[in-house]
Amino acid sequence: DLLHGRARGAQALYILGDFFEAWIGDDGMTPFQRSICAALRELSDSGTPIFIMHGNRDFLVGKAFCKAAGATLLKDPSVVQLAGEPVLLMHGDSLCTRDVGYMKLRRILRNPIVLFILRHLPLSTRHKLARKLRSESRAQTRMKANDIVDVTPEEVP
């Protein structure tokens, strides 16, 4: 188990998005997500700094979860110093520029006004929306060529 084993004593743990299959808001944690939050807190309390970046499935992870987990939310992208060297950290979905439909959806869902609205919808509505988006994403991904849904090489810094 990563959080109770290998990560203990690490200089830091960087989670670069999609840590959860779906995240509908800090107020909607499942029992499994609460157990992960508690394990992250234990790791943080043991002295390992934890950094979390949003992914395309968990872009609603917020300050309350990070506080409970003892983690710091990173912007995407971020440059950090590792072993004295600058390292670019990113989730990577912003590099899939050939997937025009996804890039449009990403811009909409990451808009601060949309995020505010999503966070204030009833939990049941957010659950339904997450299921619908995930189902549509799977269907769209099956229909698209790999070079469209993968990272566009020219976009890699």
Foldseek 3Di string as FASTA:
>chain_A
DVLVPVLAPDQAAEAAEPPDQAAQAPVDDDPVNVVVLVSLLVSVVSPHAYEYEYDPRYNRDDDVSCVSSVYHYDYAWDWDADPNDTDTGHSQQCQLVLQVVVNVVVVQCNPPVNSVVSNPDDPVVSVVVSVVVVVVVVVVVVVDDPSNRHGPVVSDD
